[in-house]
Amino acid sequence: MLAAGAETARTVASQCGLYRTAAFPAKRTREQKKPDDYGVDTMKITDDDAAFILGKGGKTKEKISRVSEAEIELFERDLILEIRGSKLQRRRAKKIF
């Protein structure tokens, strides 16, 4: 068991991306190089799909993005969904929809 100070240091290190575990994966930053198969998939969606993707306060969109590791952008006015990332990341995001 870790002392209280050690646990706090571990928490701070995980938040800064210095400590990586399954519970605290490294956060992606814009400085990271994009994969060779990076691309953008565009989908036309319905009003119901847009409502599902956004979820309450945008939480569903954030969760899908976090789980698939893809960047997701929803253009509500045009009902267009853009999924950015590697081929695998885009496939994971599409599977959820």
N, C-alpha and C. Protein backbone atom coordinates (compact mmCIF):
# COMPACT_ATOMS: atom_id res chain seq x y z
N MET A 1 0.85 -1.18 0.00
CA MET A 1 0.00 0.00 0.00
C MET A 1 0.89 1.23 0.00
N LEU A 2 0.51 2.21 -0.79
CA LEU A 2 1.30 3.42 -0.90
C LEU A 2 0.90 4.42 0.16
N ALA A 3 1.88 5.22 0.60
CA ALA A 3 1.59 6.28 1.54
C ALA A 3 0.77 7.35 0.84
N ALA A 4 0.11 8.20 1.60
CA ALA A 4 -0.76 9.22 1.03
C ALA A 4 0.00 10.14 0.08
N GLY A 5 1.21 10.53 0.42
CA GLY A 5 2.02 11.41 -0.44
C GLY A 5 2.39 10.72 -1.74
N ALA A 6 2.71 9.44 -1.66
CA ALA A 6 3.08 8.69 -2.86
C ALA A 6 1.88 8.54 -3.79
N GLU A 7 0.71 8.32 -3.21
CA GLU A 7 -0.50 8.19 -4.01
C GLU A 7 -0.81 9.51 -4.72
N THR A 8 -0.63 10.63 -4.03
CA THR A 8 -0.85 11.94 -4.64
C THR A 8 0.12 12.18 -5.77
N ALA A 9 1.39 11.83 -5.57
CA ALA A 9 2.40 11.99 -6.61
C ALA A 9 2.05 11.12 -7.81
N ARG A 10 1.55 9.93 -7.56
CA ARG A 10 1.17 9.02 -8.64
C ARG A 10 0.01 9.61 -9.44
N THR A 11 -0.96 10.19 -8.74
CA THR A 11 -2.10 10.80 -9.39
C THR A 11 -1.67 11.98 -10.26
N VAL A 12 -0.81 12.84 -9.72
CA VAL A 12 -0.32 13.99 -10.48
C VAL A 12 0.47 13.52 -11.70
N ALA A 13 1.31 12.51 -11.52
CA ALA A 13 2.11 11.99 -12.64
C ALA A 13 1.21 11.41 -13.72
N SER A 14 0.14 10.72 -13.31
CA SER A 14 -0.76 10.15 -14.31
C SER A 14 -1.50 11.24 -15.06
N GLN A 15 -1.88 12.32 -14.38
CA GLN A 15 -2.57 13.42 -15.04
C GLN A 15 -1.66 14.16 -16.01
N CYS A 16 -0.37 14.18 -15.73
CA CYS A 16 0.59 14.85 -16.62
C CYS A 16 1.05 13.94 -17.75
N GLY A 17 0.62 12.69 -17.75
CA GLY A 17 1.00 11.76 -18.80
C GLY A 17 2.34 11.10 -18.54
N LEU A 18 2.85 11.23 -17.31
CA LEU A 18 4.15 10.64 -16.99
C LEU A 18 4.02 9.21 -16.47
N TYR A 19 2.86 8.85 -16.01
CA TYR A 19 2.63 7.54 -15.42
C TYR A 19 1.54 6.87 -16.22
N ARG A 20 1.82 5.73 -16.81
CA ARG A 20 0.84 5.09 -17.68
C ARG A 20 0.48 3.71 -17.15
N THR A 21 -0.80 3.49 -17.03
CA THR A 21 -1.32 2.17 -16.67
C THR A 21 -2.57 1.95 -17.52
N ALA A 22 -3.17 0.80 -17.37
CA ALA A 22 -4.40 0.53 -18.12
C ALA A 22 -5.49 1.51 -17.70
N ALA A 23 -5.49 1.89 -16.42
CA ALA A 23 -6.51 2.82 -15.94
C ALA A 23 -6.21 4.26 -16.37
N PHE A 24 -4.93 4.57 -16.58
CA PHE A 24 -4.54 5.92 -16.95
C PHE A 24 -3.67 5.89 -18.19
N PRO A 25 -4.26 5.65 -19.38
CA PRO A 25 -3.45 5.64 -20.60
C PRO A 25 -2.91 7.03 -20.89
N ALA A 26 -1.84 7.10 -21.64
CA ALA A 26 -1.25 8.39 -21.99
C ALA A 26 -2.23 9.20 -22.82
N LYS A 27 -2.30 10.48 -22.51
CA LYS A 27 -3.19 11.35 -23.28
C LYS A 27 -2.52 11.71 -24.60
N ARG A 28 -3.35 11.77 -25.65
CA ARG A 28 -2.83 12.16 -26.94
C ARG A 28 -2.70 13.68 -26.98
N THR A 29 -1.65 14.15 -27.59
CA THR A 29 -1.48 15.58 -27.75
C THR A 29 -1.35 15.91 -29.22
N ARG A 30 -1.56 17.15 -29.55
CA ARG A 30 -1.48 17.57 -30.94
C ARG A 30 -0.06 17.45 -31.49
N GLU A 31 0.94 17.44 -30.60
CA GLU A 31 2.32 17.36 -31.06
C GLU A 31 2.69 15.96 -31.57
N GLN A 32 1.92 14.96 -31.19
CA GLN A 32 2.23 13.60 -31.62
C GLN A 32 2.05 13.48 -33.13
N LYS A 33 2.96 12.73 -33.75
CA LYS A 33 2.90 12.52 -35.19
C LYS A 33 1.67 11.69 -35.55
N LYS A 34 1.03 12.09 -36.62
CA LYS A 34 -0.15 11.36 -37.07
C LYS A 34 0.29 10.11 -37.81
N PRO A 35 -0.48 9.02 -37.70
CA PRO A 35 -0.10 7.77 -38.39
C PRO A 35 -0.13 7.94 -39.91
N ASP A 36 0.59 7.06 -40.59
CA ASP A 36 0.65 7.11 -42.06
C ASP A 36 -0.72 6.93 -42.70
N ASP A 37 -1.59 6.13 -42.06
CA ASP A 37 -2.91 5.89 -42.65
C ASP A 37 -3.97 6.85 -42.08
N TYR A 38 -3.52 8.01 -41.59
CA TYR A 38 -4.44 9.01 -41.05
C TYR A 38 -5.36 9.51 -42.16
N GLY A 39 -6.63 9.63 -41.85
CA GLY A 39 -7.57 10.10 -42.85
C GLY A 39 -8.84 10.63 -42.21
N VAL A 40 -9.74 11.07 -43.04
CA VAL A 40 -11.02 11.61 -42.58
C VAL A 40 -12.14 10.89 -43.31
N ASP A 41 -13.09 10.39 -42.56
CA ASP A 41 -14.30 9.79 -43.13
C ASP A 41 -15.46 10.74 -42.83
N THR A 42 -16.26 11.02 -43.83
CA THR A 42 -17.40 11.91 -43.69
C THR A 42 -18.67 11.11 -43.90
N MET A 43 -19.64 11.32 -43.00
CA MET A 43 -20.90 10.58 -43.07
C MET A 43 -22.07 11.57 -42.97
N LYS A 44 -23.08 11.37 -43.77
CA LYS A 44 -24.33 12.11 -43.65
C LYS A 44 -25.19 11.34 -42.66
N ILE A 45 -25.75 12.02 -41.65
CA ILE A 45 -26.50 11.34 -40.61
C ILE A 45 -27.89 11.96 -40.48
N THR A 46 -28.74 11.29 -39.73
CA THR A 46 -30.10 11.78 -39.49
C THR A 46 -30.13 12.60 -38.20
N ASP A 47 -31.26 13.27 -37.97
CA ASP A 47 -31.44 14.02 -36.72
C ASP A 47 -31.32 13.11 -35.50
N ASP A 48 -31.91 11.92 -35.59
CA ASP A 48 -31.85 10.97 -34.48
C ASP A 48 -30.42 10.52 -34.20
N ASP A 49 -29.66 10.28 -35.28
CA ASP A 49 -28.26 9.90 -35.10
C ASP A 49 -27.47 11.02 -34.43
N ALA A 50 -27.72 12.26 -34.84
CA ALA A 50 -27.03 13.41 -34.25
C ALA A 50 -27.34 13.52 -32.77
N ALA A 51 -28.60 13.30 -32.41
CA ALA A 51 -29.00 13.36 -31.01
C ALA A 51 -28.30 12.26 -30.21
N PHE A 52 -28.20 11.05 -30.79
CA PHE A 52 -27.51 9.94 -30.11
C PHE A 52 -26.04 10.26 -29.93
N ILE A 53 -25.39 10.76 -30.98
CA ILE A 53 -23.96 11.02 -30.94
C ILE A 53 -23.62 12.08 -29.90
N LEU A 54 -24.42 13.13 -29.86
CA LEU A 54 -24.15 14.17 -28.87
C LEU A 54 -24.38 13.68 -27.46
N GLY A 55 -25.49 13.03 -27.24
CA GLY A 55 -25.80 12.58 -25.89
C GLY A 55 -26.04 13.77 -24.99
N LYS A 56 -26.14 13.52 -23.73
CA LYS A 56 -26.40 14.59 -22.77
C LYS A 56 -25.13 15.40 -22.55
N GLY A 57 -25.17 16.64 -22.98
CA GLY A 57 -24.02 17.53 -22.79
C GLY A 57 -22.78 17.12 -23.58
N GLY A 58 -22.96 16.35 -24.63
CA GLY A 58 -21.81 15.94 -25.45
C GLY A 58 -21.02 14.77 -24.87
N LYS A 59 -21.53 14.16 -23.83
CA LYS A 59 -20.80 13.06 -23.15
C LYS A 59 -20.65 11.84 -24.04
N THR A 60 -21.67 11.50 -24.82
CA THR A 60 -21.60 10.31 -25.68
C THR A 60 -20.52 10.50 -26.74
N LYS A 61 -20.48 11.68 -27.32
CA LYS A 61 -19.47 11.98 -28.34
C LYS A 61 -18.07 11.85 -27.74
N GLU A 62 -17.87 12.38 -26.55
CA GLU A 62 -16.57 12.29 -25.88
C GLU A 62 -16.21 10.83 -25.60
N LYS A 63 -17.18 10.05 -25.16
CA LYS A 63 -16.91 8.65 -24.84
C LYS A 63 -16.55 7.86 -26.09
N ILE A 64 -17.28 8.07 -27.18
CA ILE A 64 -16.98 7.38 -28.44
C ILE A 64 -15.58 7.75 -28.90
N SER A 65 -15.25 9.02 -28.80
CA SER A 65 -13.92 9.50 -29.20
C SER A 65 -12.84 8.87 -28.33
N ARG A 66 -13.08 8.79 -27.04
CA ARG A 66 -12.10 8.22 -26.11
C ARG A 66 -11.92 6.72 -26.36
N VAL A 67 -12.99 6.00 -26.55
CA VAL A 67 -12.92 4.55 -26.74
C VAL A 67 -12.29 4.19 -28.08
N SER A 68 -12.67 4.91 -29.13
CA SER A 68 -12.16 4.58 -30.47
C SER A 68 -10.81 5.23 -30.74
N GLU A 69 -10.44 6.22 -29.93
CA GLU A 69 -9.22 7.00 -30.09
C GLU A 69 -9.24 7.82 -31.38
N ALA A 70 -10.42 8.08 -31.92
CA ALA A 70 -10.58 8.90 -33.12
C ALA A 70 -11.09 10.28 -32.73
N GLU A 71 -10.81 11.26 -33.58
CA GLU A 71 -11.35 12.60 -33.38
C GLU A 71 -12.70 12.65 -34.08
N ILE A 72 -13.71 13.12 -33.38
CA ILE A 72 -15.06 13.15 -33.94
C ILE A 72 -15.58 14.57 -33.92
N GLU A 73 -16.08 15.01 -35.05
CA GLU A 73 -16.66 16.34 -35.14
C GLU A 73 -18.02 16.23 -35.81
N LEU A 74 -19.00 16.84 -35.18
CA LEU A 74 -20.37 16.80 -35.68
C LEU A 74 -20.78 18.20 -36.11
N PHE A 75 -21.18 18.34 -37.36
CA PHE A 75 -21.71 19.59 -37.88
C PHE A 75 -23.22 19.48 -37.85
N GLU A 76 -23.82 20.01 -36.78
CA GLU A 76 -25.25 19.82 -36.55
C GLU A 76 -26.11 20.46 -37.62
N ARG A 77 -25.71 21.62 -38.09
CA ARG A 77 -26.52 22.33 -39.08
C ARG A 77 -26.67 21.52 -40.36
N ASP A 78 -25.57 20.90 -40.80
CA ASP A 78 -25.57 20.13 -42.05
C ASP A 78 -25.80 18.64 -41.85
N LEU A 79 -25.87 18.21 -40.58
CA LEU A 79 -26.00 16.79 -40.22
C LEU A 79 -24.89 15.96 -40.87
N ILE A 80 -23.66 16.42 -40.70
CA ILE A 80 -22.49 15.73 -41.22
C ILE A 80 -21.58 15.38 -40.04
N LEU A 81 -21.10 14.16 -40.07
CA LEU A 81 -20.19 13.67 -39.03
C LEU A 81 -18.83 13.40 -39.68
N GLU A 82 -17.78 13.95 -39.09
CA GLU A 82 -16.42 13.69 -39.56
C GLU A 82 -15.69 12.88 -38.50
N ILE A 83 -15.04 11.82 -38.96
CA ILE A 83 -14.25 10.97 -38.08
C ILE A 83 -12.82 11.01 -38.58
N ARG A 84 -11.91 11.46 -37.73
CA ARG A 84 -10.50 11.58 -38.11
C ARG A 84 -9.66 10.63 -37.28
N GLY A 85 -8.69 10.01 -37.94
CA GLY A 85 -7.77 9.12 -37.24
C GLY A 85 -7.20 8.09 -38.19
N SER A 86 -6.52 7.11 -37.62
CA SER A 86 -5.99 6.03 -38.44
C SER A 86 -7.16 5.18 -38.94
N LYS A 87 -6.87 4.29 -39.85
CA LYS A 87 -7.92 3.43 -40.41
C LYS A 87 -8.59 2.62 -39.29
N LEU A 88 -7.81 2.10 -38.36
CA LEU A 88 -8.34 1.31 -37.25
C LEU A 88 -9.22 2.18 -36.34
N GLN A 89 -8.76 3.38 -36.02
CA GLN A 89 -9.53 4.27 -35.16
C GLN A 89 -10.86 4.64 -35.80
N ARG A 90 -10.84 4.94 -37.10
CA ARG A 90 -12.08 5.29 -37.79
C ARG A 90 -13.04 4.11 -37.84
N ARG A 91 -12.49 2.90 -38.05
CA ARG A 91 -13.33 1.70 -38.10
C ARG A 91 -13.99 1.46 -36.73
N ARG A 92 -13.21 1.66 -35.66
CA ARG A 92 -13.78 1.48 -34.30
C ARG A 92 -14.93 2.45 -34.06
N ALA A 93 -14.74 3.72 -34.45
CA ALA A 93 -15.79 4.73 -34.23
C ALA A 93 -17.04 4.38 -35.04
N LYS A 94 -16.86 3.98 -36.29
CA LYS A 94 -18.01 3.64 -37.14
C LYS A 94 -18.78 2.46 -36.60
N LYS A 95 -18.06 1.51 -35.98
CA LYS A 95 -18.70 0.31 -35.44
C LYS A 95 -19.71 0.69 -34.35
N ILE A 96 -19.42 1.73 -33.62
CA ILE A 96 -20.31 2.17 -32.53
C ILE A 96 -21.60 2.77 -33.10
N PHE A 97 -21.51 3.42 -34.26
CA PHE A 97 -22.69 4.03 -34.87
C PHE A 97 -23.47 2.97 -35.58
